[in-house]
Protein backbone atom coordinates (compact mmCIF):
# COMPACT_ATOMS: atom_id res chain seq x y z
CA MET A 1 -10.92 15.40 -6.40
CA ASN A 2 -13.62 12.84 -7.12
CA GLY A 3 -13.95 9.22 -6.10
CA LEU A 4 -11.74 8.02 -8.94
CA ASN A 5 -8.50 8.66 -7.15
CA MET A 6 -9.66 7.95 -3.62
CA LYS A 7 -7.55 5.09 -2.35
CA ALA A 8 -8.20 3.53 1.03
CA VAL A 9 -5.64 3.44 3.74
CA CYS A 10 -7.87 1.61 6.15
CA ARG A 11 -7.71 3.14 9.55
CA SER A 12 -7.92 -0.10 11.45
CA LEU A 13 -5.01 -1.53 9.52
CA MET A 14 -3.01 1.65 9.89
CA LEU A 15 -3.59 1.04 13.57
CA PHE A 16 -1.47 -2.05 13.14
CA ALA A 17 1.44 0.27 12.53
CA SER A 18 0.40 2.80 15.16
CA ALA A 19 -0.29 -0.02 17.60
CA MET A 20 3.38 -0.82 17.32
CA CYS A 21 4.01 2.57 18.87
CA VAL A 22 1.09 2.33 21.31
CA SER A 23 2.18 -1.03 22.63
CA SER A 24 5.71 0.29 22.98
CA GLY A 25 4.27 2.39 25.78
CA LEU A 26 3.39 -0.85 27.53
CA MET A 27 7.01 -1.94 27.47
CA SER A 28 9.35 -1.56 30.39
CA ALA A 29 11.37 1.64 30.46
CA SER A 30 14.60 -0.16 29.65
CA ARG A 31 14.95 -2.94 27.10
CA THR A 32 17.11 -5.86 28.09
CA GLU A 33 17.26 -7.45 24.64
CA ALA A 34 20.39 -7.08 22.59
CA PRO A 35 19.85 -5.29 19.26
CA GLU A 36 20.12 -8.54 17.32
CA GLN A 37 17.38 -10.03 19.54
CA ASP A 38 15.07 -7.01 19.28
CA PHE A 39 12.03 -8.11 17.27
CA ASP A 40 11.24 -4.68 15.81
CA ARG A 41 14.78 -4.18 14.57
CA TRP A 42 14.92 -7.68 13.18
CA LEU A 43 11.59 -7.30 11.38
CA VAL A 44 12.78 -4.29 9.37
CA SER A 45 16.16 -5.87 8.65
CA GLU A 46 16.81 -7.72 5.41
CA ALA A 47 16.33 -11.04 7.19
CA GLY A 48 13.04 -9.91 8.71
CA GLN A 49 11.77 -8.55 5.42
CA LYS A 50 12.41 -11.90 3.72
CA ALA A 51 11.29 -14.06 6.64
CA SER A 52 8.42 -16.51 6.24
CA LEU A 53 5.30 -16.22 8.35
CA ALA A 54 6.38 -19.28 10.35
CA GLN A 55 9.74 -17.66 11.10
CA ILE A 56 8.09 -14.43 12.23
CA ARG A 57 5.71 -16.31 14.53
CA GLN A 58 8.58 -18.32 15.99
CA ARG A 59 10.60 -15.17 16.61
CA CYS A 60 7.65 -13.52 18.35
CA GLU A 61 7.07 -16.57 20.58
CA GLN A 62 10.56 -16.04 21.99
CA VAL A 63 9.68 -12.53 23.20
CA GLN A 64 8.87 -12.88 26.91
CA ASP A 65 8.01 -9.33 27.97
CA ALA A 66 4.21 -8.87 27.81
CA GLY A 67 4.33 -5.47 26.14
CA ASN A 68 6.91 -6.58 23.61
CA ASN A 69 4.96 -9.75 22.92
CA LEU A 70 1.77 -7.82 22.21
CA ASN A 71 3.81 -5.55 19.97
CA CYS A 72 5.20 -8.42 17.89
CA SER A 73 1.86 -10.26 17.87
CA VAL A 74 0.30 -7.28 16.12
CA SER A 75 3.09 -7.51 13.55
CA VAL A 76 2.33 -11.19 13.00
CA VAL A 77 -1.36 -10.40 12.42
CA THR A 78 -0.50 -7.72 9.89
CA ARG A 79 1.93 -10.00 8.03
CA MET A 80 -0.91 -12.53 7.81
CA PHE A 81 -2.99 -9.86 6.10
CA GLU A 82 -0.18 -8.97 3.73
CA LEU A 83 0.44 -12.61 2.81
CA LYS A 84 -3.33 -13.24 2.48
CA ALA A 85 -3.11 -16.09 5.01
CA ALA A 86 -6.83 -15.82 5.77
CA ASN A 87 -7.17 -19.26 7.36
CA GLN A 88 -4.32 -18.61 9.79
CA LEU A 89 -5.82 -15.39 11.08
CA PRO A 90 -8.66 -16.65 13.32
CA ASP A 91 -6.77 -18.82 15.81
CA TYR A 92 -3.85 -16.42 16.16
CA PHE A 93 -6.20 -13.43 16.35
CA VAL A 94 -8.28 -15.02 19.14
CA ALA A 95 -5.22 -16.32 21.02
CA THR A 96 -3.71 -12.81 21.04
CA GLN A 97 -7.02 -11.36 22.24
CA ARG A 98 -7.09 -13.77 25.19
CA LYS A 99 -3.42 -13.51 26.08
CA HIS A 100 -3.40 -9.71 26.15
CA ALA A 101 -7.06 -9.04 27.04
CA ARG A 102 -6.35 -6.47 29.75
CA ALA A 103 -3.89 -4.41 27.69
CA ILE A 104 -6.17 -4.48 24.64
CA GLN A 105 -9.21 -3.35 26.64
CA ALA A 106 -7.19 -0.51 28.16
CA ASN A 107 -6.22 0.92 24.77
CA THR A 108 -8.85 2.38 22.45
CA GLU A 109 -6.98 1.70 19.23
CA LEU A 110 -6.05 -1.86 20.12
CA LYS A 111 -9.61 -2.52 21.26
CA LEU A 112 -10.88 -1.36 17.88
CA LEU A 113 -8.33 -3.48 16.07
CA PHE A 114 -9.20 -6.66 17.94
CA SER A 115 -12.93 -6.21 17.42
CA MET A 116 -12.54 -6.32 13.64
CA PHE A 117 -13.96 -9.84 13.30
CA GLY A 118 -17.13 -11.33 14.73
CA SER A 119 -17.70 -15.05 15.31
CA GLU A 120 -19.21 -15.63 11.85
CA SER A 121 -16.24 -13.98 10.17
CA LEU A 122 -13.77 -16.07 12.13
CA SER A 123 -15.70 -19.23 11.23
CA THR A 124 -15.61 -18.36 7.52
CA LEU A 125 -11.90 -17.58 7.61
CA ARG A 126 -11.13 -20.92 9.29
CA THR A 127 -12.73 -22.82 6.41
CA THR A 128 -10.97 -20.78 3.69
CA GLY A 129 -8.40 -22.61 1.60
CA ASP A 130 -4.77 -21.56 1.36
CA PHE A 131 -4.00 -18.43 -0.60
CA SER A 132 -2.11 -19.33 -3.77
CA VAL A 133 -0.75 -17.70 -6.91
CA LYS A 134 -0.56 -19.45 -10.25
CA LYS A 135 1.77 -17.24 -12.26
CA ASN A 136 1.90 -17.05 -16.00
CA ARG A 137 5.56 -17.60 -16.91
CA GLN A 138 5.20 -16.34 -20.48
CA ARG A 139 5.35 -12.76 -21.71
CA GLU A 140 1.86 -11.26 -21.75
CA VAL A 141 0.73 -7.73 -22.57
CA LEU A 142 -2.49 -6.44 -21.00
CA THR A 143 -4.20 -3.27 -22.19
CA ILE A 144 -4.49 -0.38 -19.77
CA HIS A 145 -7.78 1.45 -20.23
CA PRO A 146 -8.13 5.12 -19.27
CA TYR A 147 -11.68 4.71 -17.94
CA SER A 148 -13.63 2.15 -15.94
CA SER A 149 -15.97 1.49 -18.89
CA GLU A 150 -16.64 2.68 -22.44
CA HIS A 151 -19.46 4.89 -21.17
CA PHE A 152 -17.49 6.44 -18.31
CA VAL A 153 -16.91 10.19 -18.63
CA SER A 154 -14.51 12.05 -16.35
CA ASP A 155 -11.86 14.73 -16.43
CA GLU A 156 -9.57 12.44 -14.46
CA VAL A 157 -7.91 9.50 -16.18
CA LEU A 158 -6.44 6.56 -14.28
CA PRO A 159 -5.07 3.12 -15.31
CA PHE A 160 -7.70 0.36 -15.42
CA ILE A 161 -7.21 -3.29 -16.36
CA ASP A 162 -9.73 -6.10 -16.80
CA VAL A 163 -9.84 -8.55 -13.89
CA LYS A 164 -11.81 -11.81 -14.06
CA SER A 165 -13.32 -14.18 -11.54
CA ALA A 166 -14.06 -17.90 -11.66
CA ASN A 167 -17.76 -17.26 -12.34
CA GLY A 168 -16.89 -15.67 -15.69
CA HIS A 169 -17.49 -12.03 -14.85
CA SER A 170 -14.93 -9.37 -15.80
CA VAL A 171 -14.55 -6.02 -14.05
CA ARG A 172 -12.09 -3.16 -14.40
CA PHE A 173 -9.82 -2.31 -11.49
CA ILE A 174 -7.55 0.69 -11.04
CA VAL A 175 -3.91 -0.46 -11.04
CA ASP A 176 -2.90 1.31 -7.86
CA THR A 177 0.68 0.88 -6.65
CA GLY A 178 -0.03 3.43 -3.91
CA ALA A 179 -2.74 1.27 -2.31
CA PRO A 180 -1.23 -1.28 0.09
CA GLN A 181 -4.28 -3.54 -0.16
CA THR A 182 -6.74 -4.53 -2.88
CA ARG A 183 -10.21 -3.06 -2.45
CA ILE A 184 -13.51 -4.02 -4.08
CA ASN A 185 -16.82 -2.17 -4.03
CA TYR A 186 -20.03 -3.86 -2.88
CA ALA A 187 -21.57 -4.12 -6.35
CA THR A 188 -18.45 -5.81 -7.72
CA ALA A 189 -18.24 -8.08 -4.67
CA LYS A 190 -21.74 -9.36 -5.40
CA LEU A 191 -21.00 -9.77 -9.11
CA LEU A 192 -17.79 -11.72 -8.51
CA GLY A 193 -19.30 -13.93 -5.81
CA ILE A 194 -17.23 -12.73 -2.87
CA ARG A 195 -18.01 -14.34 0.48
CA LEU A 196 -18.63 -11.22 2.53
CA LEU A 197 -17.65 -11.38 6.19
CA THR A 198 -20.89 -9.79 7.35
CA ASP A 199 -19.88 -9.20 10.96
CA SER A 200 -16.45 -7.80 10.10
CA HIS A 201 -15.98 -4.07 10.28
CA TYR A 202 -13.30 -1.43 10.15
CA ALA A 203 -13.09 2.32 9.76
CA TYR A 204 -10.64 3.65 7.20
CA SER A 205 -9.31 6.96 5.97
CA THR A 206 -7.93 8.08 2.61
CA PHE A 207 -4.90 10.10 1.62
CA TYR A 208 -7.39 12.75 0.59
CA GLY A 209 -8.55 13.83 4.01
CA GLU A 210 -11.62 11.58 4.42
CA ARG A 211 -12.08 9.98 7.83
CA ASP A 212 -14.10 7.19 9.43
CA LEU A 213 -15.32 5.56 6.22
CA SER A 214 -16.88 2.16 6.79
CA ALA A 215 -16.07 -1.13 5.09
CA LYS A 216 -15.95 -4.90 5.56
CA LEU A 217 -13.76 -7.79 4.46
CA GLY A 218 -14.48 -10.68 2.16
CA VAL A 219 -12.92 -13.71 0.48
CA LEU A 220 -12.77 -14.11 -3.31
CA ASP A 221 -12.38 -17.71 -4.46
CA SER A 222 -10.56 -16.81 -7.67
CA LEU A 223 -9.25 -13.67 -9.34
CA SER A 224 -7.39 -13.68 -12.66
CA ILE A 225 -5.13 -11.03 -14.17
CA GLY A 226 -4.37 -12.17 -17.67
CA ALA A 227 -3.28 -15.81 -17.40
CA SER A 228 -2.19 -15.45 -13.76
CA GLU A 229 -4.63 -16.55 -11.06
CA PHE A 230 -4.98 -15.81 -7.35
CA ARG A 231 -7.07 -18.14 -5.21
CA ASN A 232 -8.67 -17.57 -1.78
CA VAL A 233 -7.98 -13.84 -1.77
CA LEU A 234 -8.76 -11.79 1.33
CA VAL A 235 -9.95 -8.34 0.17
CA PHE A 236 -11.49 -5.20 1.62
CA VAL A 237 -15.01 -4.28 0.54
CA SER A 238 -16.40 -0.75 0.56
CA ASP A 239 -18.58 1.57 -1.50
CA ARG A 240 -15.57 3.05 -3.35
CA ASP A 241 -13.68 2.17 -6.53
CA ASN A 242 -12.13 -1.19 -7.30
CA LEU A 243 -8.39 -0.99 -6.61
CA LEU A 244 -5.80 -3.60 -7.49
CA GLY A 245 -3.33 -2.88 -4.71
CA LEU A 246 0.35 -3.52 -4.19
CA ASP A 247 -0.46 -6.64 -2.16
CA LEU A 248 -1.42 -8.47 -5.38
CA ILE A 249 0.60 -6.45 -7.90
CA SER A 250 3.77 -7.40 -6.02
CA LYS A 251 2.92 -11.11 -6.34
CA LEU A 252 2.47 -11.14 -10.13
CA GLY A 253 6.19 -11.56 -10.80
CA PRO A 254 8.24 -9.35 -13.13
CA LEU A 255 6.14 -6.67 -14.83
CA LYS A 256 6.35 -3.37 -16.62
CA ILE A 257 3.76 -0.60 -16.42
CA THR A 258 3.63 2.00 -19.17
CA ARG A 259 1.01 4.55 -20.06
CA LYS A 260 -0.83 2.05 -22.26
CA THR A 261 0.09 -1.46 -21.11
CA LEU A 262 0.80 -3.72 -18.17
CA GLU A 263 3.34 -6.26 -19.39
CA LEU A 264 3.92 -9.48 -17.46
CA ASN A 265 7.32 -11.19 -17.71
CA PRO A 266 8.86 -8.47 -19.90
CA ALA A 267 12.41 -8.51 -21.17
CA ARG A 268 14.83 -7.36 -18.49
CA ALA A 269 15.32 -3.59 -18.57
CA VAL A 270 18.75 -2.75 -19.98
CA ARG A 271 19.12 0.25 -17.71
CA CYS A 272 17.89 1.37 -14.30
CA ASP A 273 17.64 5.15 -14.08
CA SER A 274 16.09 5.33 -10.62
CA PRO A 275 16.25 2.15 -8.50
CA ILE A 276 13.07 1.47 -6.52
CA THR A 277 12.96 0.03 -3.03
CA TYR A 278 10.04 -2.15 -1.99
CA THR A 279 9.46 -1.44 1.69
CA ARG A 280 7.04 -3.08 4.06
CA LEU A 281 6.08 -1.91 7.54
CA ASP A 282 3.41 -4.34 8.56
CA ILE A 283 0.62 -3.94 6.00
CA ASN A 284 1.82 -0.65 4.55
CA GLN A 285 3.88 -1.65 1.53
CA ARG A 286 5.41 1.04 -0.70
CA LEU A 287 7.54 1.56 -3.77
CA THR A 288 9.97 4.35 -2.94
CA ILE A 289 12.74 6.30 -4.68
CA PRO A 290 15.20 8.61 -2.89
CA ALA A 291 14.50 12.10 -4.19
CA ARG A 292 15.03 15.81 -3.67
CA LEU A 293 12.24 18.28 -4.26
CA ASP A 294 13.54 21.85 -4.27
CA ASN A 295 16.66 20.67 -2.44
CA ARG A 296 14.69 18.97 0.32
CA ALA A 297 15.64 15.33 0.72
CA THR A 298 12.66 12.98 0.78
CA PHE A 299 11.30 9.77 -0.71
CA ALA A 300 9.00 9.61 -3.71
CA ILE A 301 6.25 6.98 -3.47
CA VAL A 302 5.32 5.60 -6.90
CA ASP A 303 1.52 5.84 -6.88
CA THR A 304 -0.29 4.95 -10.11
CA GLY A 305 -3.62 5.56 -8.37
CA ASN A 306 -2.90 9.27 -7.94
CA VAL A 307 -4.08 11.32 -10.92
CA ASP A 308 -1.44 14.07 -10.54
CA TYR A 309 2.14 14.11 -11.85
CA LEU A 310 3.62 14.98 -8.48
CA THR A 311 1.92 15.61 -5.15
CA SER A 312 3.80 16.86 -2.13
CA ALA A 313 2.88 16.37 1.52
CA ALA A 314 4.35 19.80 2.28
CA PRO A 315 3.81 23.19 0.61
CA GLY A 316 6.48 24.68 -1.63
CA ALA A 317 9.08 27.09 -0.35
CA GLN A 318 11.40 29.62 -1.97
CA VAL A 319 14.56 27.91 -3.21
CA ASN A 320 18.04 28.97 -4.21
CA VAL A 321 18.14 30.01 -7.86
CA VAL A 322 21.69 28.85 -8.49
CA THR A 323 21.44 25.38 -7.01
CA SER A 324 17.88 24.67 -8.12
CA MET A 325 17.93 26.07 -11.66
CA THR A 326 14.57 27.83 -11.24
CA PRO A 327 13.39 31.18 -9.82
CA GLY A 328 11.73 29.36 -6.93
CA ASN A 329 8.37 28.04 -5.92
CA SER A 330 5.94 30.84 -6.64
CA PRO A 331 2.40 29.51 -6.15
CA ALA A 332 0.71 29.24 -9.54
CA ASN A 333 -2.69 28.32 -8.18
CA ALA A 334 -2.66 29.35 -4.53
CA GLY A 335 -6.24 30.60 -4.64
CA ASN A 336 -7.71 27.20 -5.49
CA GLN A 337 -9.79 25.97 -2.57
CA HIS A 338 -8.66 22.35 -2.97
CA TYR A 339 -4.94 22.61 -3.68
CA GLN A 340 -2.00 24.88 -4.41
CA THR A 341 0.35 24.49 -7.36
CA PHE A 342 4.06 25.23 -7.14
CA LYS A 343 6.91 25.31 -9.63
CA GLY A 344 9.94 23.37 -8.59
CA VAL A 345 12.74 20.95 -9.44
CA LEU A 346 12.57 17.23 -8.80
CA LYS A 347 15.83 15.30 -8.63
CA LEU A 348 15.69 11.52 -8.93
CA PRO A 349 18.71 9.25 -9.38
CA GLY A 350 19.48 9.58 -13.07
CA ASN A 351 17.02 12.37 -13.86
CA THR A 352 16.33 16.01 -12.99
CA LEU A 353 13.04 17.64 -13.99
CA ALA A 354 11.67 21.17 -13.77
CA LEU A 355 7.94 20.77 -13.16
CA THR A 356 4.85 21.93 -11.33
CA TYR A 357 3.48 19.99 -8.40
CA LYS A 358 0.47 20.12 -6.15
CA TYR A 359 0.00 20.45 -2.42
CA TYR A 360 -3.37 19.55 -0.88
CA PRO A 361 -3.74 20.91 2.67
CA GLY A 362 -6.09 18.07 3.64
CA PHE A 363 -3.90 15.22 2.40
CA THR A 364 -2.43 12.72 4.85
CA ILE A 365 0.37 11.30 2.72
CA PRO A 366 2.40 8.99 4.99
CA PRO A 367 5.82 10.41 5.93
CA SER A 368 9.06 8.60 5.18
CA MET A 369 11.95 7.81 7.50
CA LEU A 370 15.17 9.52 6.42
CA LEU A 371 18.34 9.41 8.51
CA GLY A 372 16.36 8.64 11.64
CA GLN A 373 13.76 11.37 11.12
CA TYR A 374 10.37 11.44 9.46
CA VAL A 375 10.16 13.74 6.45
CA PRO A 376 7.18 14.64 4.20
CA SER A 377 6.86 12.22 1.30
CA ILE A 378 5.94 13.02 -2.28
CA LEU A 379 3.78 10.98 -4.67
CA LEU A 380 4.75 10.32 -8.28
CA GLY A 381 1.33 9.81 -9.83
CA TRP A 382 -0.13 8.47 -13.06
CA ARG A 383 0.60 11.58 -15.13
CA ALA A 384 4.31 10.98 -14.50
CA PHE A 385 3.94 7.95 -16.76
CA ASP A 386 3.82 10.34 -19.70
CA ASP A 387 7.59 10.52 -19.13
CA PHE A 388 8.41 7.33 -17.18
CA GLU A 389 7.73 3.61 -17.02
CA LEU A 390 7.85 1.26 -14.05
CA ASN A 391 9.86 -1.97 -14.22
CA LEU A 392 8.96 -4.05 -11.18
CA ASP A 393 10.70 -7.25 -10.10
CA ILE A 394 10.38 -7.55 -6.34
CA GLU A 395 11.50 -11.18 -6.11
CA ALA A 396 14.77 -10.39 -7.90
CA GLY A 397 15.21 -7.14 -5.98
CA ARG A 398 15.60 -5.11 -9.16
CA SER A 399 12.87 -2.53 -9.72
CA CYS A 400 13.40 0.67 -11.70
CA PHE A 401 11.67 3.90 -12.65
CA ASN A 402 12.99 4.68 -16.11
CA LYS A 403 12.61 7.69 -18.34
CA VAL A 404 10.76 6.79 -21.52
C-alpha cells in the first residue's frame, strides 16, 4: 500500500475518544446520575447528536463530579474540532487545563492531549473568524479525477476533486469519506496560504498500521468546492496526501458520489437500497451500513479513500455452504506479505454480493458497537463504486448506498 490511500486517524484526537474511557476511571465507583441526566448517554442520543455546541457546553457545566466533568469537557473540545469552532477552542481548552490540572498531569494520554497547542497557536486561534459555510443551492456536477495530476502514475486509483482557495490556487484532494477530518500536506498548505500553528503538535496513526506520525494544525481562510465556500477552516497539516474528510463533506449539503462525478444538490434518489447512518463519537464521524460478511453481523464503513472493494478488520473463516451460497472463505492470496484475500458473501440491506475481500494483519480499522459489544468493522472502498453510488443528505437524515 503506498501513500495514496493512507488516511490519518490522528492519535491525539483518537485520544479524545479514549480519554472518555480513561477519565471514566477517575469517576466514583457508583454513578448517582439518572440515565436521562448522564452526559455520555445523552451525547449519543438523538438529542445529543443534534445538540448545538452551546447546549453541549451548558449540559457539561451541570456535571458536578470532577471525573465526569473532565470526561464531558473532553467531549466539548472534540465537538469544537468537529464544528470547526477554532476561535472557541483556546479559552475552553485553557480553562479545562487549569480546572483539571492534577488529573491531566497524572494521565499520560490526557497530558499529551492538553499539550497540543502552544501559546502562539492559542493566540492565533483566538483571532480567527467564525467558521462558516456558503452553500451552493443549485445543482452542480464536479468531475472526479482518478489521479492527483495529469502526470501522476500509479497502480492505485482514488477519487480526486479540484479544491480552490481565495488566493486563486487550485489543488486536488482525495474525496475521503473514511477520514473524519480534512488533512493538507505542507506543500499545499504553503501554496494555499494556510496560517500554520507552528507550536501545535500531535502524533497520529493510520488505519494501515503506521504509528507516531507527526503533524500540526493550521487555519485556511477560504476553501471552495465548486460554488460552495468554507471560511476559517481548521485543518490538520502533515507530509501526507491532501484529504477532503467527512468533516467538510458532511457540511456540503445533499450530494451524490459516483465513480466519475460528485454532484451537489442532486435530484432526490427514488430508492434507498441500503440506508446509511451518520454516526459521531466525538471527532470520529462515520458513514455506516448494517451488514453481514459470511454470516457475521457487523457494520460497513463507507470509505472512498480506501482503494479496495472491501476490507475486513478480521480474517475470513469457513462458512456454511447452504446459508452463505459459497464454498467458504478459502484464502486466495494468503502468501502475500501485505494482505490475505478471501472469497465470501456480503449482505447489505437490499443487496447480496459474492465477492473477494482483503484482510491486512497490520490494519487498525476501528471496531463498531453492535448489541452492546464491539465487533470488527469492514470498509467498503472506492472500487465498490463500480457497482454502487452514494447519496448523502445528512441534514435530512436520508443517506443511501444504492446499486448502480
